[in-house]
Amino acid sequence: MGAVKAMLMDEEEKVWDKIADVVSESEDISEAQSKAIELFKKHDLLGYVDEDMIEEGVSEMWNEFWSQYA
């Protein structure tokens, strides 16, 4: 694996870790998805990861997080 790809994957993982906090702090899933997209934009990863993937990932995280309280 190339150095750039490894760096992008590491940065993506860090963003997903931040999104886990966003999910727990958001009022609804659309708020979490919007904030997640903004985080990817902020870290210049939008395009490397597309919005559909981000929304799907947030949806999975949202369901997992809130299923703990059901």
PDB file of N, CA and C in Angstrom:
ATOM      1  N   MET A   1       0.853  -1.172   0.000  1.00  0.00           N
ATOM      2  CA  MET A   1       0.000   0.000   0.000  1.00  0.00           C
ATOM      3  C   MET A   1       0.895   1.229   0.000  1.00  0.00           C
ATOM      4  N   GLY A   2       0.503   2.214  -0.777  1.00  0.00           N
ATOM      5  CA  GLY A   2       1.283   3.436  -0.849  1.00  0.00           C
ATOM      6  C   GLY A   2       1.148   4.279   0.399  1.00  0.00           C
ATOM      7  N   ALA A   3       2.116   5.141   0.581  1.00  0.00           N
ATOM      8  CA  ALA A   3       2.146   5.993   1.771  1.00  0.00           C
ATOM      9  C   ALA A   3       0.950   6.943   1.816  1.00  0.00           C
ATOM     10  N   VAL A   4       0.564   7.469   0.656  1.00  0.00           N
ATOM     11  CA  VAL A   4      -0.552   8.415   0.620  1.00  0.00           C
ATOM     12  C   VAL A   4      -1.855   7.705   0.989  1.00  0.00           C
ATOM     13  N   LYS A   5      -2.069   6.527   0.438  1.00  0.00           N
ATOM     14  CA  LYS A   5      -3.290   5.776   0.757  1.00  0.00           C
ATOM     15  C   LYS A   5      -3.333   5.444   2.247  1.00  0.00           C
ATOM     16  N   ALA A   6      -2.212   5.043   2.808  1.00  0.00           N
ATOM     17  CA  ALA A   6      -2.153   4.735   4.236  1.00  0.00           C
ATOM     18  C   ALA A   6      -2.479   5.976   5.068  1.00  0.00           C
ATOM     19  N   MET A   7      -1.951   7.119   4.649  1.00  0.00           N
ATOM     20  CA  MET A   7      -2.212   8.365   5.368  1.00  0.00           C
ATOM     21  C   MET A   7      -3.700   8.718   5.294  1.00  0.00           C
ATOM     22  N   LEU A   8      -4.304   8.561   4.099  1.00  0.00           N
ATOM     23  CA  LEU A   8      -5.728   8.851   3.949  1.00  0.00           C
ATOM     24  C   LEU A   8      -6.577   7.920   4.795  1.00  0.00           C
ATOM     25  N   MET A   9      -6.222   6.660   4.832  1.00  0.00           N
ATOM     26  CA  MET A   9      -6.982   5.701   5.638  1.00  0.00           C
ATOM     27  C   MET A   9      -6.882   6.023   7.119  1.00  0.00           C
ATOM     28  N   ASP A  10      -5.701   6.417   7.576  1.00  0.00           N
ATOM     29  CA  ASP A  10      -5.525   6.807   8.980  1.00  0.00           C
ATOM     30  C   ASP A  10      -6.365   8.035   9.314  1.00  0.00           C
ATOM     31  N   GLU A  11      -6.345   9.014   8.410  1.00  0.00           N
ATOM     32  CA  GLU A  11      -7.120  10.236   8.635  1.00  0.00           C
ATOM     33  C   GLU A  11      -8.619   9.928   8.628  1.00  0.00           C
ATOM     34  N   GLU A  12      -9.050   9.052   7.718  1.00  0.00           N
ATOM     35  CA  GLU A  12     -10.457   8.653   7.671  1.00  0.00           C
ATOM     36  C   GLU A  12     -10.871   7.996   8.984  1.00  0.00           C
ATOM     37  N   GLU A  13     -10.030   7.136   9.509  1.00  0.00           N
ATOM     38  CA  GLU A  13     -10.334   6.455  10.772  1.00  0.00           C
ATOM     39  C   GLU A  13     -10.482   7.461  11.917  1.00  0.00           C
ATOM     40  N   LYS A  14      -9.627   8.465  11.934  1.00  0.00           N
ATOM     41  CA  LYS A  14      -9.717   9.495  12.973  1.00  0.00           C
ATOM     42  C   LYS A  14     -11.030  10.261  12.872  1.00  0.00           C
ATOM     43  N   VAL A  15     -11.458  10.548  11.629  1.00  0.00           N
ATOM     44  CA  VAL A  15     -12.718  11.266  11.437  1.00  0.00           C
ATOM     45  C   VAL A  15     -13.885  10.406  11.908  1.00  0.00           C
ATOM     46  N   TRP A  16     -13.883   9.115  11.571  1.00  0.00           N
ATOM     47  CA  TRP A  16     -14.966   8.239  12.021  1.00  0.00           C
ATOM     48  C   TRP A  16     -15.012   8.169  13.551  1.00  0.00           C
ATOM     49  N   ASP A  17     -13.862   8.205  14.203  1.00  0.00           N
ATOM     50  CA  ASP A  17     -13.839   8.222  15.670  1.00  0.00           C
ATOM     51  C   ASP A  17     -14.532   9.483  16.208  1.00  0.00           C
ATOM     52  N   LYS A  18     -14.287  10.622  15.552  1.00  0.00           N
ATOM     53  CA  LYS A  18     -14.946  11.869  15.958  1.00  0.00           C
ATOM     54  C   LYS A  18     -16.447  11.795  15.717  1.00  0.00           C
ATOM     55  N   ILE A  19     -16.824  11.130  14.637  1.00  0.00           N
ATOM     56  CA  ILE A  19     -18.244  11.025  14.295  1.00  0.00           C
ATOM     57  C   ILE A  19     -18.993  10.194  15.334  1.00  0.00           C
ATOM     58  N   ALA A  20     -18.329   9.238  15.944  1.00  0.00           N
ATOM     59  CA  ALA A  20     -18.961   8.462  17.015  1.00  0.00           C
ATOM     60  C   ALA A  20     -19.430   9.396  18.125  1.00  0.00           C
ATOM     61  N   ASP A  21     -18.639  10.421  18.444  1.00  0.00           N
ATOM     62  CA  ASP A  21     -19.046  11.414  19.444  1.00  0.00           C
ATOM     63  C   ASP A  21     -20.197  12.266  18.929  1.00  0.00           C
ATOM     64  N   VAL A  22     -20.138  12.626  17.652  1.00  0.00           N
ATOM     65  CA  VAL A  22     -21.194  13.432  17.041  1.00  0.00           C
ATOM     66  C   VAL A  22     -22.532  12.706  17.132  1.00  0.00           C
ATOM     67  N   VAL A  23     -22.528  11.413  16.864  1.00  0.00           N
ATOM     68  CA  VAL A  23     -23.756  10.618  16.908  1.00  0.00           C
ATOM     69  C   VAL A  23     -24.382  10.683  18.293  1.00  0.00           C
ATOM     70  N   SER A  24     -23.569  10.558  19.314  1.00  0.00           N
ATOM     71  CA  SER A  24     -24.100  10.549  20.673  1.00  0.00           C
ATOM     72  C   SER A  24     -24.603  11.926  21.121  1.00  0.00           C
ATOM     73  N   GLU A  25     -24.133  12.986  20.466  1.00  0.00           N
ATOM     74  CA  GLU A  25     -24.506  14.346  20.865  1.00  0.00           C
ATOM     75  C   GLU A  25     -25.614  14.957  20.002  1.00  0.00           C
ATOM     76  N   SER A  26     -25.979  14.294  18.896  1.00  0.00           N
ATOM     77  CA  SER A  26     -26.940  14.869  17.957  1.00  0.00           C
ATOM     78  C   SER A  26     -28.379  14.565  18.375  1.00  0.00           C
ATOM     79  N   GLU A  27     -29.271  15.484  18.027  1.00  0.00           N
ATOM     80  CA  GLU A  27     -30.689  15.333  18.337  1.00  0.00           C
ATOM     81  C   GLU A  27     -31.373  14.313  17.428  1.00  0.00           C
ATOM     82  N   ASP A  28     -30.936  14.247  16.171  1.00  0.00           N
ATOM     83  CA  ASP A  28     -31.523  13.290  15.230  1.00  0.00           C
ATOM     84  C   ASP A  28     -30.469  12.871  14.205  1.00  0.00           C
ATOM     85  N   ILE A  29     -30.816  11.869  13.420  1.00  0.00           N
ATOM     86  CA  ILE A  29     -29.849  11.290  12.493  1.00  0.00           C
ATOM     87  C   ILE A  29     -29.431  12.269  11.396  1.00  0.00           C
ATOM     88  N   SER A  30     -30.347  13.116  10.949  1.00  0.00           N
ATOM     89  CA  SER A  30     -29.982  14.063   9.890  1.00  0.00           C
ATOM     90  C   SER A  30     -28.960  15.083  10.378  1.00  0.00           C
ATOM     91  N   GLU A  31     -29.062  15.477  11.635  1.00  0.00           N
ATOM     92  CA  GLU A  31     -28.075  16.382  12.227  1.00  0.00           C
ATOM     93  C   GLU A  31     -26.713  15.691  12.274  1.00  0.00           C
ATOM     94  N   ALA A  32     -26.693  14.440  12.689  1.00  0.00           N
ATOM     95  CA  ALA A  32     -25.440  13.684  12.764  1.00  0.00           C
ATOM     96  C   ALA A  32     -24.825  13.525  11.374  1.00  0.00           C
ATOM     97  N   GLN A  33     -25.647  13.249  10.373  1.00  0.00           N
ATOM     98  CA  GLN A  33     -25.144  13.081   9.015  1.00  0.00           C
ATOM     99  C   GLN A  33     -24.569  14.388   8.477  1.00  0.00           C
ATOM    100  N   SER A  34     -25.239  15.488   8.727  1.00  0.00           N
ATOM    101  CA  SER A  34     -24.741  16.795   8.269  1.00  0.00           C
ATOM    102  C   SER A  34     -23.407  17.135   8.916  1.00  0.00           C
ATOM    103  N   LYS A  35     -23.319  16.910  10.218  1.00  0.00           N
ATOM    104  CA  LYS A  35     -22.070  17.193  10.929  1.00  0.00           C
ATOM    105  C   LYS A  35     -20.944  16.275  10.446  1.00  0.00           C
ATOM    106  N   ALA A  36     -21.286  15.032  10.137  1.00  0.00           N
ATOM    107  CA  ALA A  36     -20.282  14.088   9.649  1.00  0.00           C
ATOM    108  C   ALA A  36     -19.728  14.533   8.299  1.00  0.00           C
ATOM    109  N   ILE A  37     -20.614  14.954   7.420  1.00  0.00           N
ATOM    110  CA  ILE A  37     -20.170  15.442   6.108  1.00  0.00           C
ATOM    111  C   ILE A  37     -19.268  16.654   6.273  1.00  0.00           C
ATOM    112  N   GLU A  38     -19.622  17.540   7.181  1.00  0.00           N
ATOM    113  CA  GLU A  38     -18.786  18.716   7.444  1.00  0.00           C
ATOM    114  C   GLU A  38     -17.407  18.317   7.972  1.00  0.00           C
ATOM    115  N   LEU A  39     -17.358  17.310   8.827  1.00  0.00           N
ATOM    116  CA  LEU A  39     -16.058  16.843   9.327  1.00  0.00           C
ATOM    117  C   LEU A  39     -15.196  16.296   8.193  1.00  0.00           C
ATOM    118  N   PHE A  40     -15.801  15.534   7.296  1.00  0.00           N
ATOM    119  CA  PHE A  40     -15.037  15.016   6.162  1.00  0.00           C
ATOM    120  C   PHE A  40     -14.560  16.149   5.262  1.00  0.00           C
ATOM    121  N   LYS A  41     -15.398  17.185   5.075  1.00  0.00           N
ATOM    122  CA  LYS A  41     -14.983  18.346   4.295  1.00  0.00           C
ATOM    123  C   LYS A  41     -13.816  19.049   4.974  1.00  0.00           C
ATOM    124  N   LYS A  42     -13.929  19.236   6.273  1.00  0.00           N
ATOM    125  CA  LYS A  42     -12.898  19.934   7.050  1.00  0.00           C
ATOM    126  C   LYS A  42     -11.542  19.240   6.943  1.00  0.00           C
ATOM    127  N   HIS A  43     -11.567  17.920   6.861  1.00  0.00           N
ATOM    128  CA  HIS A  43     -10.328  17.142   6.788  1.00  0.00           C
ATOM    129  C   HIS A  43      -9.944  16.810   5.347  1.00  0.00           C
ATOM    130  N   ASP A  44     -10.582  17.489   4.391  1.00  0.00           N
ATOM    131  CA  ASP A  44     -10.313  17.309   2.958  1.00  0.00           C
ATOM    132  C   ASP A  44     -10.424  15.857   2.514  1.00  0.00           C
ATOM    133  N   LEU A  45     -11.410  15.158   3.040  1.00  0.00           N
ATOM    134  CA  LEU A  45     -11.620  13.756   2.684  1.00  0.00           C
ATOM    135  C   LEU A  45     -12.909  13.534   1.903  1.00  0.00           C
ATOM    136  N   LEU A  46     -13.682  14.599   1.687  1.00  0.00           N
ATOM    137  CA  LEU A  46     -14.898  14.454   0.908  1.00  0.00           C
ATOM    138  C   LEU A  46     -14.476  14.259  -0.549  1.00  0.00           C
ATOM    139  N   GLY A  47     -14.901  13.198  -1.115  1.00  0.00           N
ATOM    140  CA  GLY A  47     -14.429  12.790  -2.438  1.00  0.00           C
ATOM    141  C   GLY A  47     -13.685  11.479  -2.308  1.00  0.00           C
ATOM    142  N   TYR A  48     -12.785  11.420  -1.321  1.00  0.00           N
ATOM    143  CA  TYR A  48     -12.153  10.143  -0.979  1.00  0.00           C
ATOM    144  C   TYR A  48     -13.229   9.228  -0.403  1.00  0.00           C
ATOM    145  N   VAL A  49     -14.089   9.816   0.410  1.00  0.00           N
ATOM    146  CA  VAL A  49     -15.275   9.143   0.940  1.00  0.00           C
ATOM    147  C   VAL A  49     -16.462   9.967   0.463  1.00  0.00           C
ATOM    148  N   ASP A  50     -17.396   9.350  -0.255  1.00  0.00           N
ATOM    149  CA  ASP A  50     -18.519  10.129  -0.784  1.00  0.00           C
ATOM    150  C   ASP A  50     -19.645  10.259   0.252  1.00  0.00           C
ATOM    151  N   GLU A  51     -20.534  11.201  -0.020  1.00  0.00           N
ATOM    152  CA  GLU A  51     -21.595  11.518   0.936  1.00  0.00           C
ATOM    153  C   GLU A  51     -22.504  10.334   1.221  1.00  0.00           C
ATOM    154  N   ASP A  52     -22.779   9.508   0.222  1.00  0.00           N
ATOM    155  CA  ASP A  52     -23.629   8.331   0.447  1.00  0.00           C
ATOM    156  C   ASP A  52     -22.990   7.375   1.449  1.00  0.00           C
ATOM    157  N   MET A  53     -21.675   7.178   1.330  1.00  0.00           N
ATOM    158  CA  MET A  53     -20.971   6.302   2.271  1.00  0.00           C
ATOM    159  C   MET A  53     -21.002   6.887   3.684  1.00  0.00           C
ATOM    160  N   ILE A  54     -20.855   8.199   3.770  1.00  0.00           N
ATOM    161  CA  ILE A  54     -20.876   8.862   5.074  1.00  0.00           C
ATOM    162  C   ILE A  54     -22.257   8.708   5.708  1.00  0.00           C
ATOM    163  N   GLU A  55     -23.302   8.981   4.930  1.00  0.00           N
ATOM    164  CA  GLU A  55     -24.663   8.870   5.462  1.00  0.00           C
ATOM    165  C   GLU A  55     -24.978   7.441   5.881  1.00  0.00           C
ATOM    166  N   GLU A  56     -24.532   6.475   5.095  1.00  0.00           N
ATOM    167  CA  GLU A  56     -24.754   5.072   5.450  1.00  0.00           C
ATOM    168  C   GLU A  56     -24.001   4.699   6.725  1.00  0.00           C
ATOM    169  N   GLY A  57     -22.753   5.148   6.830  1.00  0.00           N
ATOM    170  CA  GLY A  57     -21.956   4.869   8.020  1.00  0.00           C
ATOM    171  C   GLY A  57     -22.555   5.492   9.267  1.00  0.00           C
ATOM    172  N   VAL A  58     -23.015   6.727   9.147  1.00  0.00           N
ATOM    173  CA  VAL A  58     -23.648   7.405  10.284  1.00  0.00           C
ATOM    174  C   VAL A  58     -24.938   6.688  10.666  1.00  0.00           C
ATOM    175  N   SER A  59     -25.695   6.252   9.675  1.00  0.00           N
ATOM    176  CA  SER A  59     -26.932   5.528   9.950  1.00  0.00           C
ATOM    177  C   SER A  59     -26.664   4.262  10.753  1.00  0.00           C
ATOM    178  N   GLU A  60     -25.635   3.521  10.360  1.00  0.00           N
ATOM    179  CA  GLU A  60     -25.270   2.311  11.097  1.00  0.00           C
ATOM    180  C   GLU A  60     -24.824   2.644  12.519  1.00  0.00           C
ATOM    181  N   MET A  61     -24.011   3.686  12.653  1.00  0.00           N
ATOM    182  CA  MET A  61     -23.546   4.093  13.980  1.00  0.00           C
ATOM    183  C   MET A  61     -24.716   4.555  14.845  1.00  0.00           C
ATOM    184  N   TRP A  62     -25.639   5.302  14.227  1.00  0.00           N
ATOM    185  CA  TRP A  62     -26.819   5.807  14.933  1.00  0.00           C
ATOM    186  C   TRP A  62     -27.646   4.646  15.481  1.00  0.00           C
ATOM    187  N   ASN A  63     -27.929   3.674  14.606  1.00  0.00           N
ATOM    188  CA  ASN A  63     -28.740   2.530  15.015  1.00  0.00           C
ATOM    189  C   ASN A  63     -28.054   1.719  16.105  1.00  0.00           C
ATOM    190  N   GLU A  64     -26.757   1.543  15.976  1.00  0.00           N
ATOM    191  CA  GLU A  64     -26.002   0.794  16.987  1.00  0.00           C
ATOM    192  C   GLU A  64     -26.015   1.533  18.327  1.00  0.00           C
ATOM    193  N   PHE A  65     -25.786   2.839  18.279  1.00  0.00           N
ATOM    194  CA  PHE A  65     -25.744   3.629  19.511  1.00  0.00           C
ATOM    195  C   PHE A  65     -27.088   3.601  20.222  1.00  0.00           C
ATOM    196  N   TRP A  66     -28.166   3.869  19.476  1.00  0.00           N
ATOM    197  CA  TRP A  66     -29.480   3.985  20.113  1.00  0.00           C
ATOM    198  C   TRP A  66     -30.100   2.624  20.444  1.00  0.00           C
ATOM    199  N   SER A  67     -29.630   1.549  19.838  1.00  0.00           N
ATOM    200  CA  SER A  67     -30.151   0.222  20.188  1.00  0.00           C
ATOM    201  C   SER A  67     -29.718  -0.176  21.593  1.00  0.00           C
ATOM    202  N   GLN A  68     -28.675   0.445  22.107  1.00  0.00           N
ATOM    203  CA  GLN A  68     -28.229   0.175  23.467  1.00  0.00           C
ATOM    204  C   GLN A  68     -29.250   0.652  24.497  1.00  0.00           C
ATOM    205  N   TYR A  69     -30.100   1.597  24.101  1.00  0.00           N
ATOM    206  CA  TYR A  69     -31.045   2.204  25.030  1.00  0.00           C
ATOM    207  C   TYR A  69     -32.476   1.734  24.792  1.00  0.00           C
ATOM    208  N   ALA A  70     -32.645   0.781  23.884  1.00  0.00           N
ATOM    209  CA  ALA A  70     -33.996   0.299  23.579  1.00  0.00           C
ATOM    210  C   ALA A  70     -34.408  -0.816  24.512  1.00  0.00           C
TER     211      ALA A  70
END
